[in-house]
Structures are given as structure tokens and as C-alpha cells.
Amino acid sequence: MKAEIHPNYHTTAKVTCACGKEYAAGSTKELTTVELCAACHPFYTGKQKIVDTARRVEKFEARVATKSETEHGHKAKAEKKAARAKKRQEKLEAAEKAEA
């Protein structure tokens, strides 16, 4: 190793989170700030934080709720299938009457 080209290693460097939690870790920097840590990250806490800008989440939830009420604006598959079968049966009956 060459002398005087490597940075100083701090074995008890201070890591500060935006939530206020502080950790000690090894680093070449004495002080490090982070936005998320294990104490406030949704993956570790199990709590979901949604930052709603311009009511986008509310608008999306309202749109999804209206679509689920109307079954996405379409008939259900079973209803469509039954309607096609009925139409097919009516055509067959009409064709049989025309032949007779």
C-alpha cells in the first residue's frame, strides 16, 4: 500500500436519519445523513406512508371504486356468454321455422 493516498477510516462514524435516529458505523466520512433508516422505512415498520400531492391518491382510489361498482363498464363473462348462446338459439329456431 502506498502511504498518504488512502482516506482516514473512522470506526465510529455518526449516521443520522431524517427521523432523528442515530447510528454508529464505520466510514471514511465522520458524519453522514440519510433520509430513511430501519426505524422509519415502511418495509421494516410495516406502516405505509403515502405522500399525496395534488390529491392523486384520492382521485385514483375514487376512480377504482367507481370502476369496481360497474364491473369495469362491461358485462360479466357469464352474462356475455349467456347472451350469445340465447342469440344463437334464436337464430337456429328462426332458421328451422323458415325451412318448415
C-alpha atoms as a PDB file:
ATOM      1  CA  MET A   1       0.000   0.000   0.000  1.00  0.00           C
ATOM      2  CA  LYS A   2       1.194   3.466  -0.810  1.00  0.00           C
ATOM      3  CA  ALA A   3       1.399   5.898   2.068  1.00  0.00           C
ATOM      4  CA  GLU A   4      -0.820   9.010   2.293  1.00  0.00           C
ATOM      5  CA  ILE A   5      -3.171   8.197  -0.622  1.00  0.00           C
ATOM      6  CA  HIS A   6      -5.926   6.410   1.332  1.00  0.00           C
ATOM      7  CA  PRO A   7      -8.618   8.324   3.251  1.00  0.00           C
ATOM      8  CA  ASN A   8      -8.842   8.108   7.018  1.00  0.00           C
ATOM      9  CA  TYR A   9     -11.234   5.410   8.243  1.00  0.00           C
ATOM     10  CA  HIS A  10     -13.480   6.360  11.166  1.00  0.00           C
ATOM     11  CA  THR A  11     -14.611   3.287  13.073  1.00  0.00           C
ATOM     12  CA  THR A  12     -17.350   5.177  14.932  1.00  0.00           C
ATOM     13  CA  ALA A  13     -18.716   7.491  12.251  1.00  0.00           C
ATOM     14  CA  LYS A  14     -22.100   9.041  13.030  1.00  0.00           C
ATOM     15  CA  VAL A  15     -25.059   8.258  10.704  1.00  0.00           C
ATOM     16  CA  THR A  16     -28.131  10.447  11.293  1.00  0.00           C
ATOM     17  CA  CYS A  17     -31.560   9.736   9.784  1.00  0.00           C
ATOM     18  CA  ALA A  18     -34.201  12.348   8.937  1.00  0.00           C
ATOM     19  CA  CYS A  19     -36.456  10.753  11.582  1.00  0.00           C
ATOM     20  CA  GLY A  20     -33.866  11.589  14.269  1.00  0.00           C
ATOM     21  CA  LYS A  21     -32.407   8.131  14.852  1.00  0.00           C
ATOM     22  CA  GLU A  22     -28.595   7.976  15.097  1.00  0.00           C
ATOM     23  CA  TYR A  23     -26.319   5.025  14.362  1.00  0.00           C
ATOM     24  CA  ALA A  24     -22.594   4.394  14.658  1.00  0.00           C
ATOM     25  CA  ALA A  25     -20.888   2.773  11.675  1.00  0.00           C
ATOM     26  CA  GLY A  26     -17.503   2.566  10.055  1.00  0.00           C
ATOM     27  CA  SER A  27     -16.928   5.032   7.232  1.00  0.00           C
ATOM     28  CA  THR A  28     -14.432   7.363   5.637  1.00  0.00           C
ATOM     29  CA  LYS A  29     -16.757  10.277   6.474  1.00  0.00           C
ATOM     30  CA  GLU A  30     -17.259  11.331  10.095  1.00  0.00           C
ATOM     31  CA  LEU A  31     -20.891  12.414   9.620  1.00  0.00           C
ATOM     32  CA  THR A  32     -23.474  11.004   7.197  1.00  0.00           C
ATOM     33  CA  THR A  33     -27.158  11.914   6.870  1.00  0.00           C
ATOM     34  CA  VAL A  34     -29.782   9.621   5.315  1.00  0.00           C
ATOM     35  CA  GLU A  35     -33.481  10.039   4.544  1.00  0.00           C
ATOM     36  CA  LEU A  36     -34.657   6.546   5.560  1.00  0.00           C
ATOM     37  CA  CYS A  37     -33.400   4.014   8.067  1.00  0.00           C
ATOM     38  CA  ALA A  38     -34.607   0.736   9.551  1.00  0.00           C
ATOM     39  CA  ALA A  39     -36.588   2.668  12.169  1.00  0.00           C
ATOM     40  CA  CYS A  40     -38.709   4.617   9.671  1.00  0.00           C
ATOM     41  CA  HIS A  41     -38.631   2.628   6.384  1.00  0.00           C
ATOM     42  CA  PRO A  42     -42.091   1.182   5.506  1.00  0.00           C
ATOM     43  CA  PHE A  43     -40.599  -2.226   4.671  1.00  0.00           C
ATOM     44  CA  TYR A  44     -39.253  -2.657   8.184  1.00  0.00           C
ATOM     45  CA  THR A  45     -42.018  -0.884  10.125  1.00  0.00           C
ATOM     46  CA  GLY A  46     -44.990  -2.361   8.247  1.00  0.00           C
ATOM     47  CA  LYS A  47     -46.620   1.082   8.048  1.00  0.00           C
ATOM     48  CA  GLN A  48     -47.193   2.623   4.666  1.00  0.00           C
ATOM     49  CA  LYS A  49     -46.678   6.345   4.323  1.00  0.00           C
ATOM     50  CA  ILE A  50     -48.232   7.884   1.240  1.00  0.00           C
ATOM     51  CA  VAL A  51     -47.231  11.410   0.352  1.00  0.00           C
ATOM     52  CA  ASP A  52     -50.287  12.654  -1.504  1.00  0.00           C
ATOM     53  CA  THR A  53     -49.501  15.522  -3.814  1.00  0.00           C
ATOM     54  CA  ALA A  54     -52.421  17.161  -5.589  1.00  0.00           C
ATOM     55  CA  ARG A  55     -54.889  14.535  -4.266  1.00  0.00           C
ATOM     56  CA  ARG A  56     -53.637  11.977  -6.796  1.00  0.00           C
ATOM     57  CA  VAL A  57     -54.068   9.009  -4.474  1.00  0.00           C
ATOM     58  CA  GLU A  58     -57.628  10.043  -3.569  1.00  0.00           C
ATOM     59  CA  LYS A  59     -58.512  10.525  -7.244  1.00  0.00           C
ATOM     60  CA  PHE A  60     -57.085   7.111  -8.122  1.00  0.00           C
ATOM     61  CA  GLU A  61     -58.961   5.389  -5.291  1.00  0.00           C
ATOM     62  CA  ALA A  62     -62.218   7.086  -6.326  1.00  0.00           C
ATOM     63  CA  ARG A  63     -61.697   6.012  -9.954  1.00  0.00           C
ATOM     64  CA  VAL A  64     -61.033   2.417  -8.921  1.00  0.00           C
ATOM     65  CA  ALA A  65     -64.110   2.398  -6.673  1.00  0.00           C
ATOM     66  CA  THR A  66     -66.400   3.565  -9.488  1.00  0.00           C
ATOM     67  CA  LYS A  67     -64.964   1.007 -11.904  1.00  0.00           C
ATOM     68  CA  SER A  68     -65.431  -1.858  -9.459  1.00  0.00           C
ATOM     69  CA  GLU A  69     -69.060  -0.848  -8.904  1.00  0.00           C
ATOM     70  CA  THR A  70     -69.811  -1.030 -12.629  1.00  0.00           C
ATOM     71  CA  GLU A  71     -67.615  -4.099 -13.173  1.00  0.00           C
ATOM     72  CA  HIS A  72     -65.205  -2.010 -15.289  1.00  0.00           C
ATOM     73  CA  GLY A  73     -68.036  -0.805 -17.508  1.00  0.00           C
ATOM     74  CA  HIS A  74     -68.591  -4.239 -19.086  1.00  0.00           C
ATOM     75  CA  LYS A  75     -70.916  -7.147 -18.556  1.00  0.00           C
ATOM     76  CA  ALA A  76     -69.533 -10.101 -16.687  1.00  0.00           C
ATOM     77  CA  LYS A  77     -68.194 -13.002 -18.786  1.00  0.00           C
ATOM     78  CA  ALA A  78     -71.014 -15.331 -17.784  1.00  0.00           C
ATOM     79  CA  GLU A  79     -73.628 -12.759 -18.813  1.00  0.00           C
ATOM     80  CA  LYS A  80     -71.954 -12.256 -22.200  1.00  0.00           C
ATOM     81  CA  LYS A  81     -71.738 -15.983 -22.793  1.00  0.00           C
ATOM     82  CA  ALA A  82     -75.398 -16.497 -21.895  1.00  0.00           C
ATOM     83  CA  ALA A  83     -76.478 -13.666 -24.194  1.00  0.00           C
ATOM     84  CA  ARG A  84     -74.501 -15.148 -27.123  1.00  0.00           C
ATOM     85  CA  ALA A  85     -75.980 -18.602 -26.516  1.00  0.00           C
ATOM     86  CA  LYS A  86     -79.501 -17.167 -26.417  1.00  0.00           C
ATOM     87  CA  LYS A  87     -78.935 -15.241 -29.644  1.00  0.00           C
ATOM     88  CA  ARG A  88     -77.528 -18.364 -31.324  1.00  0.00           C
ATOM     89  CA  GLN A  89     -80.559 -20.393 -30.190  1.00  0.00           C
ATOM     90  CA  GLU A  90     -82.958 -17.761 -31.541  1.00  0.00           C
ATOM     91  CA  LYS A  91     -81.204 -17.820 -34.941  1.00  0.00           C
ATOM     92  CA  LEU A  92     -81.450 -21.624 -35.082  1.00  0.00           C
ATOM     93  CA  GLU A  93     -85.159 -21.523 -34.243  1.00  0.00           C
ATOM     94  CA  ALA A  94     -85.759 -18.840 -36.869  1.00  0.00           C
ATOM     95  CA  ALA A  95     -83.887 -20.912 -39.474  1.00  0.00           C
ATOM     96  CA  GLU A  96     -85.944 -24.024 -38.622  1.00  0.00           C
ATOM     97  CA  LYS A  97     -89.222 -22.092 -38.994  1.00  0.00           C
ATOM     98  CA  ALA A  98     -88.094 -20.733 -42.359  1.00  0.00           C
ATOM     99  CA  GLU A  99     -87.337 -24.274 -43.615  1.00  0.00           C
ATOM    100  CA  ALA A 100     -90.694 -25.634 -42.475  1.00  0.00           C
END
